[in-house]
Amino acid sequence: MAHPDDVDFGSAGTVATWTDGGLEVVYLMVTDGDAGGFDDGVTRARMAALRRAEQEAAAAVVGVRDVRYLGYPDGRVEATLDLRRDIARVIRQVRPDRVLAPSPDRDYARISPSHPDHRAVGSAALDAVYPDARNPYAFPELLADEGLEAWTVREVWLTGGPNADHHVDVTDVFDRKIEALRAHASQTAHLGDGLPEMISGWLGANAGLAGFPPGRLAEAFQVVPTA
């Protein structure tokens, strides 16, 4: 993901269902979120440290213990070869079956998930999955200097895009999603008691589009087979 809190807004409920089912999940944050927050009295360096701590607390709520950071500047991410290499490195280290990433496509119906950092990270992540991580001759230094063998990811789940085709019922873990979001106090404290209502409105709309029964809540994804 591009920033701390991105995974929790889009996918914390789904991640909780994965870890509850025995899956191991590793988070990779491309930036430290240093351009976030609402307090002019907090330096950007302090904000970065604060947001790392918030993300680790949020991750623990949904059963994730391994959180990694690349340290790119918040608000200035581009889908460069360097970023592709850095994501491919972590893919080869972790060797995942599934990669969760932001959609590289802009959603004109709901613009907020289409932050330029999100789209850049989504594009770089897809390129890192195919072809970079699986091709031993792409970024050969990863193998020659770091001993990281090529790895093929089976599928990518994209979040925040306009073409969702898969929905996960997160009704039973909704409280944990909210707890994870509240851990990002620098980003969500100003929402106060309105946070659950806002999030349940989004997830209820997803569930309705998926044809789930009334009262259910869902997170939405576009699943891309990549094996």
Protein backbone atom coordinates (compact mmCIF):
# COMPACT_ATOMS: atom_id res chain seq x y z
CA MET A 1 0.00 0.00 0.00
CA ALA A 2 1.01 3.61 -0.50
CA HIS A 3 0.38 5.00 3.00
CA PRO A 4 -0.25 3.82 6.54
CA ASP A 5 -4.05 3.45 6.92
CA ASP A 6 -4.70 2.58 3.24
CA VAL A 7 -4.97 -1.12 3.96
CA ASP A 8 -7.29 -0.49 6.90
CA PHE A 9 -9.71 1.75 5.03
CA GLY A 10 -9.93 -0.65 2.10
CA SER A 11 -9.24 -4.10 3.43
CA ALA A 12 -8.81 -4.48 7.20
CA GLY A 13 -11.94 -6.63 7.49
CA THR A 14 -10.79 -8.95 4.72
CA VAL A 15 -7.32 -9.20 6.26
CA ALA A 16 -8.92 -10.16 9.58
CA THR A 17 -10.80 -12.99 7.88
CA TRP A 18 -7.55 -14.19 6.31
CA THR A 19 -5.57 -14.22 9.54
CA ASP A 20 -8.50 -15.76 11.43
CA GLY A 21 -8.37 -18.54 8.83
CA GLY A 22 -4.70 -19.19 9.49
CA LEU A 23 -3.13 -17.21 6.64
CA GLU A 24 0.06 -15.24 7.21
CA VAL A 25 -0.15 -11.63 6.03
CA VAL A 26 2.75 -9.20 5.58
CA TYR A 27 2.21 -5.47 5.09
CA LEU A 28 4.43 -3.33 2.87
CA MET A 29 3.98 0.46 3.07
CA VAL A 30 5.68 2.43 0.32
CA THR A 31 5.63 5.73 2.27
CA ASP A 32 5.56 6.65 5.94
CA GLY A 33 2.61 8.97 5.40
CA ASP A 34 4.60 12.04 6.40
CA ALA A 35 2.30 14.36 4.40
CA GLY A 36 -0.77 13.25 6.37
CA GLY A 37 -2.47 14.55 9.47
CA PHE A 38 -4.13 17.80 10.47
CA ASP A 39 -1.84 19.28 13.16
CA ASP A 40 0.52 22.02 11.98
CA GLY A 41 2.42 21.65 15.25
CA VAL A 42 3.65 18.17 14.31
CA THR A 43 6.82 18.10 12.23
CA ARG A 44 6.86 15.93 9.15
CA ALA A 45 9.55 13.70 10.66
CA ARG A 46 7.44 13.25 13.78
CA MET A 47 4.37 12.53 11.68
CA ALA A 48 6.21 9.77 9.82
CA ALA A 49 7.25 8.10 13.09
CA LEU A 50 3.75 8.49 14.51
CA ARG A 51 2.12 6.94 11.46
CA ARG A 52 4.47 3.97 11.53
CA ALA A 53 3.48 3.33 15.12
CA GLU A 54 -0.21 3.74 14.27
CA GLN A 55 0.06 1.28 11.40
CA GLU A 56 1.73 -1.33 13.57
CA ALA A 57 -1.00 -0.95 16.20
CA ALA A 58 -3.69 -1.24 13.54
CA ALA A 59 -2.02 -4.29 12.00
CA ALA A 60 -1.99 -6.07 15.36
CA VAL A 61 -5.77 -5.62 15.65
CA VAL A 62 -6.29 -7.76 12.55
CA GLY A 63 -3.57 -10.30 13.26
CA VAL A 64 -0.65 -8.91 11.24
CA ARG A 65 2.75 -8.82 12.95
CA ASP A 66 5.13 -8.13 10.04
CA VAL A 67 4.92 -4.53 8.76
CA ARG A 68 7.59 -3.23 6.37
CA TYR A 69 8.30 0.22 4.94
CA LEU A 70 10.13 1.50 1.88
CA GLY A 71 10.38 5.14 3.00
CA TYR A 72 9.38 6.84 -0.25
CA PRO A 73 8.19 10.48 0.10
CA ASP A 74 4.46 10.80 0.72
CA GLY A 75 2.67 12.59 -2.11
CA ARG A 76 5.48 12.14 -4.64
CA VAL A 77 5.35 8.44 -5.50
CA GLU A 78 5.86 7.47 -9.13
CA ALA A 79 5.82 4.01 -10.73
CA THR A 80 9.57 4.01 -11.34
CA LEU A 81 11.92 1.11 -12.01
CA ASP A 82 13.36 1.64 -8.53
CA LEU A 83 9.94 1.19 -6.94
CA ARG A 84 9.25 -1.89 -9.06
CA ARG A 85 12.56 -3.38 -7.93
CA ASP A 86 11.89 -2.58 -4.27
CA ILE A 87 8.45 -4.22 -4.37
CA ALA A 88 9.79 -7.20 -6.35
CA ARG A 89 12.47 -7.64 -3.68
CA VAL A 90 9.84 -7.99 -0.95
CA ILE A 91 7.77 -10.34 -3.09
CA ARG A 92 10.81 -12.59 -3.49
CA GLN A 93 11.51 -12.37 0.25
CA VAL A 94 7.95 -13.15 1.38
CA ARG A 95 6.96 -15.43 -1.55
CA PRO A 96 3.21 -14.73 -1.32
CA ASP A 97 0.41 -16.50 -3.15
CA ARG A 98 -1.65 -13.29 -3.21
CA VAL A 99 -0.72 -9.61 -3.39
CA LEU A 100 -3.16 -6.93 -2.27
CA ALA A 101 -2.55 -3.54 -3.91
CA PRO A 102 -4.30 -0.28 -4.75
CA SER A 103 -5.95 -0.10 -8.14
CA PRO A 104 -3.90 1.80 -10.73
CA ASP A 105 -7.18 2.91 -12.35
CA ARG A 106 -8.89 6.17 -11.46
CA ASP A 107 -12.45 5.83 -10.17
CA TYR A 108 -14.33 8.88 -11.44
CA ALA A 109 -17.45 7.98 -9.46
CA ARG A 110 -15.56 8.10 -6.14
CA ILE A 111 -12.31 10.00 -6.44
CA SER A 112 -10.83 9.65 -2.93
CA PRO A 113 -9.33 6.16 -3.39
CA SER A 114 -7.64 7.36 -6.60
CA HIS A 115 -4.89 9.37 -4.88
CA PRO A 116 -1.92 9.59 -7.27
CA ASP A 117 0.28 7.70 -4.80
CA HIS A 118 -2.27 4.88 -4.75
CA ARG A 119 -2.37 4.64 -8.54
CA ALA A 120 1.42 4.75 -8.80
CA VAL A 121 1.84 2.01 -6.20
CA GLY A 122 -0.81 -0.12 -7.88
CA SER A 123 0.91 0.19 -11.24
CA ALA A 124 4.35 -0.59 -9.80
CA ALA A 125 3.00 -3.52 -7.77
CA LEU A 126 1.40 -5.11 -10.83
CA ASP A 127 4.64 -4.70 -12.76
CA ALA A 128 6.58 -6.13 -9.83
CA VAL A 129 4.29 -9.17 -9.82
CA TYR A 130 4.43 -9.52 -13.61
CA PRO A 131 7.05 -9.69 -14.92
CA ASP A 132 9.66 -8.57 -12.40
CA ALA A 133 9.40 -10.92 -9.41
CA ARG A 134 9.00 -14.07 -11.50
CA ASN A 135 11.70 -13.33 -14.06
CA PRO A 136 15.21 -14.22 -12.79
CA TYR A 137 16.68 -11.92 -15.41
CA ALA A 138 14.69 -8.88 -14.26
CA PHE A 139 16.72 -6.95 -11.69
CA PRO A 140 19.39 -9.69 -11.73
CA GLU A 141 21.09 -8.07 -8.74
CA LEU A 142 18.28 -9.38 -6.53
CA LEU A 143 19.50 -12.91 -7.25
CA ALA A 144 23.21 -12.26 -7.72
CA ASP A 145 23.73 -9.95 -4.73
CA GLU A 146 20.88 -10.89 -2.38
CA GLY A 147 20.19 -14.53 -3.23
CA LEU A 148 16.50 -13.87 -3.90
CA GLU A 149 15.10 -16.47 -6.27
CA ALA A 150 12.34 -15.61 -8.71
CA TRP A 151 8.78 -16.06 -7.40
CA THR A 152 5.42 -16.24 -9.17
CA VAL A 153 2.43 -14.67 -7.42
CA ARG A 154 -0.83 -16.52 -8.10
CA GLU A 155 -3.20 -13.52 -8.00
CA VAL A 156 -3.49 -9.81 -7.23
CA TRP A 157 -6.43 -8.25 -5.41
CA LEU A 158 -6.91 -4.58 -6.31
CA THR A 159 -8.74 -2.25 -3.96
CA GLY A 160 -10.24 1.20 -4.52
CA GLY A 161 -10.78 0.85 -8.27
CA PRO A 162 -13.80 1.17 -10.53
CA ASN A 163 -14.05 -2.50 -11.59
CA ALA A 164 -14.75 -4.56 -8.47
CA ASP A 165 -15.74 -8.14 -9.24
CA HIS A 166 -15.27 -9.82 -5.85
CA HIS A 167 -16.75 -8.97 -2.45
CA VAL A 168 -15.84 -10.24 1.00
CA ASP A 169 -18.48 -10.23 3.76
CA VAL A 170 -16.85 -8.46 6.72
CA THR A 171 -19.93 -7.96 8.86
CA ASP A 172 -18.63 -10.19 11.65
CA VAL A 173 -15.25 -8.40 11.83
CA PHE A 174 -16.55 -4.86 11.35
CA ASP A 175 -15.74 -3.86 14.94
CA ARG A 176 -12.11 -4.88 14.41
CA LYS A 177 -11.94 -2.85 11.20
CA ILE A 178 -13.15 0.20 13.12
CA GLU A 179 -10.66 -0.49 15.92
CA ALA A 180 -7.86 -0.69 13.34
CA LEU A 181 -8.98 2.60 11.79
CA ARG A 182 -9.14 4.28 15.20
CA ALA A 183 -5.51 3.25 15.75
CA HIS A 184 -4.71 5.79 13.00
CA ALA A 185 -5.65 8.59 15.38
CA SER A 186 -3.69 11.24 13.48
CA GLN A 187 -5.92 10.56 10.47
CA THR A 188 -9.28 9.54 11.95
CA ALA A 189 -9.70 11.14 15.40
CA HIS A 190 -11.45 14.15 13.89
CA LEU A 191 -14.23 11.85 12.63
CA GLY A 192 -15.19 10.94 16.19
CA ASP A 193 -18.36 8.92 16.61
CA GLY A 194 -19.15 9.37 12.91
CA LEU A 195 -16.44 6.97 11.78
CA PRO A 196 -18.45 3.71 12.10
CA GLU A 197 -21.43 5.24 10.31
CA MET A 198 -19.28 6.50 7.45
CA ILE A 199 -17.52 3.17 6.99
CA SER A 200 -20.69 1.10 7.35
CA GLY A 201 -22.30 3.26 4.67
CA TRP A 202 -19.50 2.44 2.23
CA LEU A 203 -19.47 -1.25 3.09
CA GLY A 204 -23.25 -1.51 3.02
CA ALA A 205 -23.26 -0.08 -0.50
CA ASN A 206 -20.65 -2.67 -1.52
CA ALA A 207 -22.76 -5.45 -0.05
CA GLY A 208 -25.82 -4.23 -1.92
CA LEU A 209 -23.95 -4.23 -5.22
CA ALA A 210 -22.78 -7.78 -4.47
CA GLY A 211 -26.34 -8.95 -3.82
CA PHE A 212 -25.71 -9.76 -0.16
CA PRO A 213 -28.70 -9.80 2.22
CA PRO A 214 -29.77 -6.50 3.84
CA GLY A 215 -27.65 -5.54 6.81
CA ARG A 216 -24.46 -7.18 5.57
CA LEU A 217 -21.20 -5.30 5.02
CA ALA A 218 -18.60 -6.03 2.35
CA GLU A 219 -15.20 -4.94 1.09
CA ALA A 220 -14.78 -4.84 -2.69
CA PHE A 221 -11.90 -5.94 -4.90
CA GLN A 222 -10.94 -6.64 -8.48
CA VAL A 223 -9.20 -10.04 -8.58
CA VAL A 224 -6.52 -10.41 -11.27
CA PRO A 225 -5.17 -13.91 -11.97
CA THR A 226 -1.41 -13.65 -12.46
CA ALA A 227 0.00 -17.17 -12.27
